[in-house]
Each structure stands twice: as structure tokens, then as C-alpha cells.
Amino acid sequence: MFPSITHVAVTVTDIDRSVSWYHKLFDAEPVLDEDTGPFRHVVFALGDTLFGLHVFPDPVDGDFDERRPGLDHVA
């Protein structure tokens, strides 16, 4: 049996705008809003799955990098 998805993380360019959009989409409040220093992340709980938004102060373009806007990871 394939295990369930525990969380998905997406890197965004405008965290406040993204939080507002996902708040409306999910009809839920974030369960975590934390600035870790290297990045800020806001997390929504969707049943047994967490959905996280990340923003980095030094975004990059090009090849895959967690600081590039788009999918960060799925776990």
C-alpha cells in the first residue's frame, strides 16, 4: 500500500497575497506562521495533510532550487 502524502510545500513570491488566496480556497486559517531566518513559512492543515507556503529573501531563477517559486517538495 502506498503511504499517504503528509505534506506539500510550495515556494511563492508574495507570501501575504498567497496566504490570503489559499485561506479563501481552503476556507481555513493557517496553523503555523513562522519566520525561521532563512525563510518564512505558513502552513495549513487539510485533514491529515499539511500544505506549506515558503518565501525566501533571496529567490532564484533557473534549475530546481527550493528558493525558486513553484513546487518545493512533496513528502
PDB file of N, CA and C in Angstrom:
ATOM      1  N   MET A   1       0.838  -1.172   0.000  1.00  0.00           N
ATOM      2  CA  MET A   1       0.000   0.000   0.000  1.00  0.00           C
ATOM      3  C   MET A   1       0.893   1.248   0.000  1.00  0.00           C
ATOM      4  N   PHE A   2       0.568   2.180  -0.860  1.00  0.00           N
ATOM      5  CA  PHE A   2       1.345   3.417  -0.961  1.00  0.00           C
ATOM      6  C   PHE A   2       0.980   4.326   0.209  1.00  0.00           C
ATOM      7  N   PRO A   3       1.975   4.901   0.905  1.00  0.00           N
ATOM      8  CA  PRO A   3       1.674   5.769   2.055  1.00  0.00           C
ATOM      9  C   PRO A   3       1.018   7.072   1.616  1.00  0.00           C
ATOM     10  N   SER A   4       0.319   7.693   2.544  1.00  0.00           N
ATOM     11  CA  SER A   4      -0.354   8.954   2.234  1.00  0.00           C
ATOM     12  C   SER A   4       0.661  10.093   2.142  1.00  0.00           C
ATOM     13  N   ILE A   5       0.242  11.190   1.545  1.00  0.00           N
ATOM     14  CA  ILE A   5       1.071  12.389   1.469  1.00  0.00           C
ATOM     15  C   ILE A   5       0.924  13.125   2.793  1.00  0.00           C
ATOM     16  N   THR A   6       2.055  13.380   3.459  1.00  0.00           N
ATOM     17  CA  THR A   6       1.998  14.075   4.750  1.00  0.00           C
ATOM     18  C   THR A   6       2.033  15.582   4.591  1.00  0.00           C
ATOM     19  N   HIS A   7       2.821  16.046   3.599  1.00  0.00           N
ATOM     20  CA  HIS A   7       2.814  17.489   3.363  1.00  0.00           C
ATOM     21  C   HIS A   7       3.323  17.844   1.970  1.00  0.00           C
ATOM     22  N   VAL A   8       2.899  19.031   1.556  1.00  0.00           N
ATOM     23  CA  VAL A   8       3.322  19.611   0.290  1.00  0.00           C
ATOM     24  C   VAL A   8       3.823  21.011   0.613  1.00  0.00           C
ATOM     25  N   ALA A   9       4.948  21.403   0.028  1.00  0.00           N
ATOM     26  CA  ALA A   9       5.494  22.745   0.239  1.00  0.00           C
ATOM     27  C   ALA A   9       5.661  23.436  -1.114  1.00  0.00           C
ATOM     28  N   VAL A  10       5.200  24.678  -1.171  1.00  0.00           N
ATOM     29  CA  VAL A  10       5.263  25.480  -2.387  1.00  0.00           C
ATOM     30  C   VAL A  10       5.983  26.779  -2.058  1.00  0.00           C
ATOM     31  N   THR A  11       6.920  27.177  -2.904  1.00  0.00           N
ATOM     32  CA  THR A  11       7.611  28.450  -2.727  1.00  0.00           C
ATOM     33  C   THR A  11       6.878  29.519  -3.529  1.00  0.00           C
ATOM     34  N   VAL A  12       6.598  30.636  -2.884  1.00  0.00           N
ATOM     35  CA  VAL A  12       5.848  31.730  -3.507  1.00  0.00           C
ATOM     36  C   VAL A  12       6.678  33.009  -3.501  1.00  0.00           C
ATOM     37  N   THR A  13       6.243  33.992  -4.273  1.00  0.00           N
ATOM     38  CA  THR A  13       6.961  35.274  -4.325  1.00  0.00           C
ATOM     39  C   THR A  13       6.336  36.319  -3.412  1.00  0.00           C
ATOM     40  N   ASP A  14       5.045  36.169  -3.105  1.00  0.00           N
ATOM     41  CA  ASP A  14       4.339  37.129  -2.243  1.00  0.00           C
ATOM     42  C   ASP A  14       3.546  36.332  -1.218  1.00  0.00           C
ATOM     43  N   ILE A  15       4.121  36.160  -0.042  1.00  0.00           N
ATOM     44  CA  ILE A  15       3.510  35.279   0.959  1.00  0.00           C
ATOM     45  C   ILE A  15       2.173  35.814   1.459  1.00  0.00           C
ATOM     46  N   ASP A  16       2.064  37.108   1.670  1.00  0.00           N
ATOM     47  CA  ASP A  16       0.801  37.654   2.182  1.00  0.00           C
ATOM     48  C   ASP A  16      -0.329  37.463   1.178  1.00  0.00           C
ATOM     49  N   ARG A  17      -0.058  37.718  -0.070  1.00  0.00           N
ATOM     50  CA  ARG A  17      -1.070  37.523  -1.119  1.00  0.00           C
ATOM     51  C   ARG A  17      -1.424  36.043  -1.237  1.00  0.00           C
ATOM     52  N   SER A  18      -0.425  35.174  -1.163  1.00  0.00           N
ATOM     53  CA  SER A  18      -0.655  33.733  -1.270  1.00  0.00           C
ATOM     54  C   SER A  18      -1.445  33.203  -0.079  1.00  0.00           C
ATOM     55  N   VAL A  19      -1.117  33.656   1.117  1.00  0.00           N
ATOM     56  CA  VAL A  19      -1.857  33.212   2.307  1.00  0.00           C
ATOM     57  C   VAL A  19      -3.327  33.602   2.165  1.00  0.00           C
ATOM     58  N   SER A  20      -3.592  34.812   1.729  1.00  0.00           N
ATOM     59  CA  SER A  20      -4.972  35.260   1.538  1.00  0.00           C
ATOM     60  C   SER A  20      -5.701  34.383   0.522  1.00  0.00           C
ATOM     61  N   TRP A  21      -5.033  34.072  -0.590  1.00  0.00           N
ATOM     62  CA  TRP A  21      -5.655  33.272  -1.646  1.00  0.00           C
ATOM     63  C   TRP A  21      -5.954  31.859  -1.149  1.00  0.00           C
ATOM     64  N   TYR A  22      -4.976  31.207  -0.505  1.00  0.00           N
ATOM     65  CA  TYR A  22      -5.180  29.842  -0.017  1.00  0.00           C
ATOM     66  C   TYR A  22      -6.150  29.805   1.160  1.00  0.00           C
ATOM     67  N   HIS A  23      -6.180  30.837   1.973  1.00  0.00           N
ATOM     68  CA  HIS A  23      -7.164  30.927   3.059  1.00  0.00           C
ATOM     69  C   HIS A  23      -8.578  30.859   2.482  1.00  0.00           C
ATOM     70  N   LYS A  24      -8.817  31.616   1.414  1.00  0.00           N
ATOM     71  CA  LYS A  24     -10.137  31.588   0.761  1.00  0.00           C
ATOM     72  C   LYS A  24     -10.399  30.240   0.101  1.00  0.00           C
ATOM     73  N   LEU A  25      -9.386  29.687  -0.573  1.00  0.00           N
ATOM     74  CA  LEU A  25      -9.547  28.401  -1.253  1.00  0.00           C
ATOM     75  C   LEU A  25      -9.870  27.281  -0.272  1.00  0.00           C
ATOM     76  N   PHE A  26      -9.106  27.199   0.808  1.00  0.00           N
ATOM     77  CA  PHE A  26      -9.262  26.119   1.780  1.00  0.00           C
ATOM     78  C   PHE A  26     -10.341  26.403   2.827  1.00  0.00           C
ATOM     79  N   ASP A  27     -10.764  27.674   2.944  1.00  0.00           N
ATOM     80  CA  ASP A  27     -11.697  28.084   4.000  1.00  0.00           C
ATOM     81  C   ASP A  27     -11.157  27.643   5.364  1.00  0.00           C
ATOM     82  N   ALA A  28      -9.871  27.934   5.572  1.00  0.00           N
ATOM     83  CA  ALA A  28      -9.196  27.535   6.816  1.00  0.00           C
ATOM     84  C   ALA A  28      -8.138  28.566   7.171  1.00  0.00           C
ATOM     85  N   GLU A  29      -7.879  28.670   8.453  1.00  0.00           N
ATOM     86  CA  GLU A  29      -6.809  29.537   8.953  1.00  0.00           C
ATOM     87  C   GLU A  29      -5.498  28.747   8.979  1.00  0.00           C
ATOM     88  N   PRO A  30      -4.376  29.409   8.790  1.00  0.00           N
ATOM     89  CA  PRO A  30      -3.099  28.716   8.940  1.00  0.00           C
ATOM     90  C   PRO A  30      -2.912  28.218  10.373  1.00  0.00           C
ATOM     91  N   VAL A  31      -2.223  27.095  10.511  1.00  0.00           N
ATOM     92  CA  VAL A  31      -1.926  26.545  11.836  1.00  0.00           C
ATOM     93  C   VAL A  31      -0.533  26.937  12.301  1.00  0.00           C
ATOM     94  N   LEU A  32       0.273  27.494  11.386  1.00  0.00           N
ATOM     95  CA  LEU A  32       1.637  27.902  11.715  1.00  0.00           C
ATOM     96  C   LEU A  32       2.045  29.036  10.782  1.00  0.00           C
ATOM     97  N   ASP A  33       2.664  30.047  11.363  1.00  0.00           N
ATOM     98  CA  ASP A  33       3.251  31.147  10.582  1.00  0.00           C
ATOM     99  C   ASP A  33       4.563  31.460  11.268  1.00  0.00           C
ATOM    100  N   GLU A  34       5.663  31.066  10.642  1.00  0.00           N
ATOM    101  CA  GLU A  34       6.961  31.124  11.311  1.00  0.00           C
ATOM    102  C   GLU A  34       8.038  31.666  10.372  1.00  0.00           C
ATOM    103  N   ASP A  35       8.818  32.597  10.889  1.00  0.00           N
ATOM    104  CA  ASP A  35       9.992  33.089  10.169  1.00  0.00           C
ATOM    105  C   ASP A  35      11.197  32.410  10.802  1.00  0.00           C
ATOM    106  N   THR A  36      11.837  31.517  10.059  1.00  0.00           N
ATOM    107  CA  THR A  36      12.943  30.734  10.599  1.00  0.00           C
ATOM    108  C   THR A  36      14.293  31.427  10.427  1.00  0.00           C
ATOM    109  N   GLY A  37      14.287  32.565   9.729  1.00  0.00           N
ATOM    110  CA  GLY A  37      15.544  33.250   9.414  1.00  0.00           C
ATOM    111  C   GLY A  37      15.872  33.066   7.949  1.00  0.00           C
ATOM    112  N   PRO A  38      16.202  31.827   7.533  1.00  0.00           N
ATOM    113  CA  PRO A  38      16.471  31.622   6.106  1.00  0.00           C
ATOM    114  C   PRO A  38      15.218  31.738   5.235  1.00  0.00           C
ATOM    115  N   PHE A  39      14.041  31.467   5.810  1.00  0.00           N
ATOM    116  CA  PHE A  39      12.793  31.587   5.064  1.00  0.00           C
ATOM    117  C   PHE A  39      11.619  31.710   6.032  1.00  0.00           C
ATOM    118  N   ARG A  40      10.496  32.147   5.491  1.00  0.00           N
ATOM    119  CA  ARG A  40       9.247  32.200   6.267  1.00  0.00           C
ATOM    120  C   ARG A  40       8.320  31.148   5.689  1.00  0.00           C
ATOM    121  N   HIS A  41       7.592  30.472   6.550  1.00  0.00           N
ATOM    122  CA  HIS A  41       6.604  29.529   6.046  1.00  0.00           C
ATOM    123  C   HIS A  41       5.306  29.634   6.817  1.00  0.00           C
ATOM    124  N   VAL A  42       4.233  29.436   6.072  1.00  0.00           N
ATOM    125  CA  VAL A  42       2.880  29.449   6.601  1.00  0.00           C
ATOM    126  C   VAL A  42       2.265  28.110   6.219  1.00  0.00           C
ATOM    127  N   VAL A  43       1.648  27.434   7.193  1.00  0.00           N
ATOM    128  CA  VAL A  43       1.176  26.069   6.980  1.00  0.00           C
ATOM    129  C   VAL A  43      -0.323  25.976   7.269  1.00  0.00           C
ATOM    130  N   PHE A  44      -1.023  25.289   6.372  1.00  0.00           N
ATOM    131  CA  PHE A  44      -2.445  24.982   6.536  1.00  0.00           C
ATOM    132  C   PHE A  44      -2.592  23.492   6.787  1.00  0.00           C
ATOM    133  N   ALA A  45      -3.504  23.102   7.680  1.00  0.00           N
ATOM    134  CA  ALA A  45      -3.809  21.688   7.921  1.00  0.00           C
ATOM    135  C   ALA A  45      -5.056  21.334   7.123  1.00  0.00           C
ATOM    136  N   LEU A  46      -4.911  20.357   6.238  1.00  0.00           N
ATOM    137  CA  LEU A  46      -6.015  19.898   5.394  1.00  0.00           C
ATOM    138  C   LEU A  46      -6.240  18.421   5.678  1.00  0.00           C
ATOM    139  N   GLY A  47      -7.016  18.143   6.688  1.00  0.00           N
ATOM    140  CA  GLY A  47      -7.176  16.757   7.119  1.00  0.00           C
ATOM    141  C   GLY A  47      -5.854  16.261   7.669  1.00  0.00           C
ATOM    142  N   ASP A  48      -5.353  15.164   7.104  1.00  0.00           N
ATOM    143  CA  ASP A  48      -4.081  14.586   7.551  1.00  0.00           C
ATOM    144  C   ASP A  48      -2.881  15.121   6.764  1.00  0.00           C
ATOM    145  N   THR A  49      -3.114  16.069   5.869  1.00  0.00           N
ATOM    146  CA  THR A  49      -2.042  16.608   5.036  1.00  0.00           C
ATOM    147  C   THR A  49      -1.787  18.068   5.370  1.00  0.00           C
ATOM    148  N   LEU A  50      -0.529  18.445   5.454  1.00  0.00           N
ATOM    149  CA  LEU A  50      -0.149  19.843   5.656  1.00  0.00           C
ATOM    150  C   LEU A  50       0.235  20.453   4.316  1.00  0.00           C
ATOM    151  N   PHE A  51      -0.163  21.699   4.110  1.00  0.00           N
ATOM    152  CA  PHE A  51       0.171  22.439   2.898  1.00  0.00           C
ATOM    153  C   PHE A  51       0.929  23.680   3.319  1.00  0.00           C
ATOM    154  N   GLY A  52       2.185  23.775   2.925  1.00  0.00           N
ATOM    155  CA  GLY A  52       3.036  24.877   3.365  1.00  0.00           C
ATOM    156  C   GLY A  52       3.398  25.823   2.247  1.00  0.00           C
ATOM    157  N   LEU A  53       3.396  27.105   2.570  1.00  0.00           N
ATOM    158  CA  LEU A  53       3.858  28.153   1.669  1.00  0.00           C
ATOM    159  C   LEU A  53       5.188  28.656   2.193  1.00  0.00           C
ATOM    160  N   HIS A  54       6.174  28.725   1.328  1.00  0.00           N
ATOM    161  CA  HIS A  54       7.505  29.213   1.708  1.00  0.00           C
ATOM    162  C   HIS A  54       7.816  30.462   0.908  1.00  0.00           C
ATOM    163  N   VAL A  55       8.533  31.396   1.534  1.00  0.00           N
ATOM    164  CA  VAL A  55       9.076  32.541   0.811  1.00  0.00           C
ATOM    165  C   VAL A  55      10.493  32.766   1.310  1.00  0.00           C
ATOM    166  N   PHE A  56      11.388  33.032   0.368  1.00  0.00           N
ATOM    167  CA  PHE A  56      12.800  33.235   0.679  1.00  0.00           C
ATOM    168  C   PHE A  56      13.193  34.670   0.362  1.00  0.00           C
ATOM    169  N   PRO A  57      14.084  35.264   1.157  1.00  0.00           N
ATOM    170  CA  PRO A  57      14.513  36.637   0.885  1.00  0.00           C
ATOM    171  C   PRO A  57      15.408  36.735  -0.346  1.00  0.00           C
ATOM    172  N   ASP A  58      15.936  35.599  -0.802  1.00  0.00           N
ATOM    173  CA  ASP A  58      16.851  35.585  -1.942  1.00  0.00           C
ATOM    174  C   ASP A  58      16.396  34.582  -3.000  1.00  0.00           C
ATOM    175  N   PRO A  59      15.215  34.810  -3.627  1.00  0.00           N
ATOM    176  CA  PRO A  59      14.726  33.856  -4.623  1.00  0.00           C
ATOM    177  C   PRO A  59      15.688  33.747  -5.800  1.00  0.00           C
ATOM    178  N   VAL A  60      15.615  32.622  -6.501  1.00  0.00           N
ATOM    179  CA  VAL A  60      16.491  32.374  -7.643  1.00  0.00           C
ATOM    180  C   VAL A  60      15.661  31.959  -8.858  1.00  0.00           C
ATOM    181  N   ASP A  61      16.259  32.028 -10.029  1.00  0.00           N
ATOM    182  CA  ASP A  61      15.671  31.535 -11.270  1.00  0.00           C
ATOM    183  C   ASP A  61      16.464  30.319 -11.723  1.00  0.00           C
ATOM    184  N   GLY A  62      16.002  29.686 -12.772  1.00  0.00           N
ATOM    185  CA  GLY A  62      16.793  28.617 -13.372  1.00  0.00           C
ATOM    186  C   GLY A  62      16.404  27.242 -12.895  1.00  0.00           C
ATOM    187  N   ASP A  63      17.410  26.369 -12.790  1.00  0.00           N
ATOM    188  CA  ASP A  63      17.180  24.978 -12.419  1.00  0.00           C
ATOM    189  C   ASP A  63      16.524  24.862 -11.049  1.00  0.00           C
ATOM    190  N   PHE A  64      16.087  23.644 -10.735  1.00  0.00           N
ATOM    191  CA  PHE A  64      15.367  23.432  -9.477  1.00  0.00           C
ATOM    192  C   PHE A  64      16.182  23.887  -8.283  1.00  0.00           C
ATOM    193  N   ASP A  65      15.533  24.638  -7.444  1.00  0.00           N
ATOM    194  CA  ASP A  65      16.106  25.140  -6.199  1.00  0.00           C
ATOM    195  C   ASP A  65      14.929  25.462  -5.299  1.00  0.00           C
ATOM    196  N   GLU A  66      15.011  25.127  -4.023  1.00  0.00           N
ATOM    197  CA  GLU A  66      13.878  25.388  -3.120  1.00  0.00           C
ATOM    198  C   GLU A  66      13.527  26.871  -3.049  1.00  0.00           C
ATOM    199  N   ARG A  67      14.445  27.744  -3.406  1.00  0.00           N
ATOM    200  CA  ARG A  67      14.189  29.182  -3.367  1.00  0.00           C
ATOM    201  C   ARG A  67      13.506  29.688  -4.632  1.00  0.00           C
ATOM    202  N   ARG A  68      13.398  28.857  -5.657  1.00  0.00           N
ATOM    203  CA  ARG A  68      12.722  29.239  -6.891  1.00  0.00           C
ATOM    204  C   ARG A  68      11.217  29.066  -6.698  1.00  0.00           C
ATOM    205  N   PRO A  69      10.408  30.055  -7.083  1.00  0.00           N
ATOM    206  CA  PRO A  69       8.946  29.904  -6.954  1.00  0.00           C
ATOM    207  C   PRO A  69       8.447  28.663  -7.680  1.00  0.00           C
ATOM    208  N   GLY A  70       7.531  27.963  -7.025  1.00  0.00           N
ATOM    209  CA  GLY A  70       6.958  26.735  -7.566  1.00  0.00           C
ATOM    210  C   GLY A  70       7.008  25.634  -6.515  1.00  0.00           C
ATOM    211  N   LEU A  71       6.893  24.409  -6.958  1.00  0.00           N
ATOM    212  CA  LEU A  71       6.901  23.271  -6.041  1.00  0.00           C
ATOM    213  C   LEU A  71       8.247  23.152  -5.343  1.00  0.00           C
ATOM    214  N   ASP A  72       8.225  23.122  -4.025  1.00  0.00           N
ATOM    215  CA  ASP A  72       9.433  22.890  -3.227  1.00  0.00           C
ATOM    216  C   ASP A  72       9.603  21.381  -3.057  1.00  0.00           C
ATOM    217  N   HIS A  73       8.608  20.731  -2.419  1.00  0.00           N
ATOM    218  CA  HIS A  73       8.692  19.288  -2.247  1.00  0.00           C
ATOM    219  C   HIS A  73       7.356  18.697  -1.820  1.00  0.00           C
ATOM    220  N   VAL A  74       7.260  17.382  -1.974  1.00  0.00           N
ATOM    221  CA  VAL A  74       6.113  16.582  -1.526  1.00  0.00           C
ATOM    222  C   VAL A  74       6.685  15.473  -0.661  1.00  0.00           C
ATOM    223  N   ALA A  75       6.090  15.258   0.508  1.00  0.00           N
ATOM    224  CA  ALA A  75       6.584  14.212   1.403  1.00  0.00           C
ATOM    225  C   ALA A  75       5.448  13.327   1.879  1.00  0.00           C
TER     226      ALA A  75
END
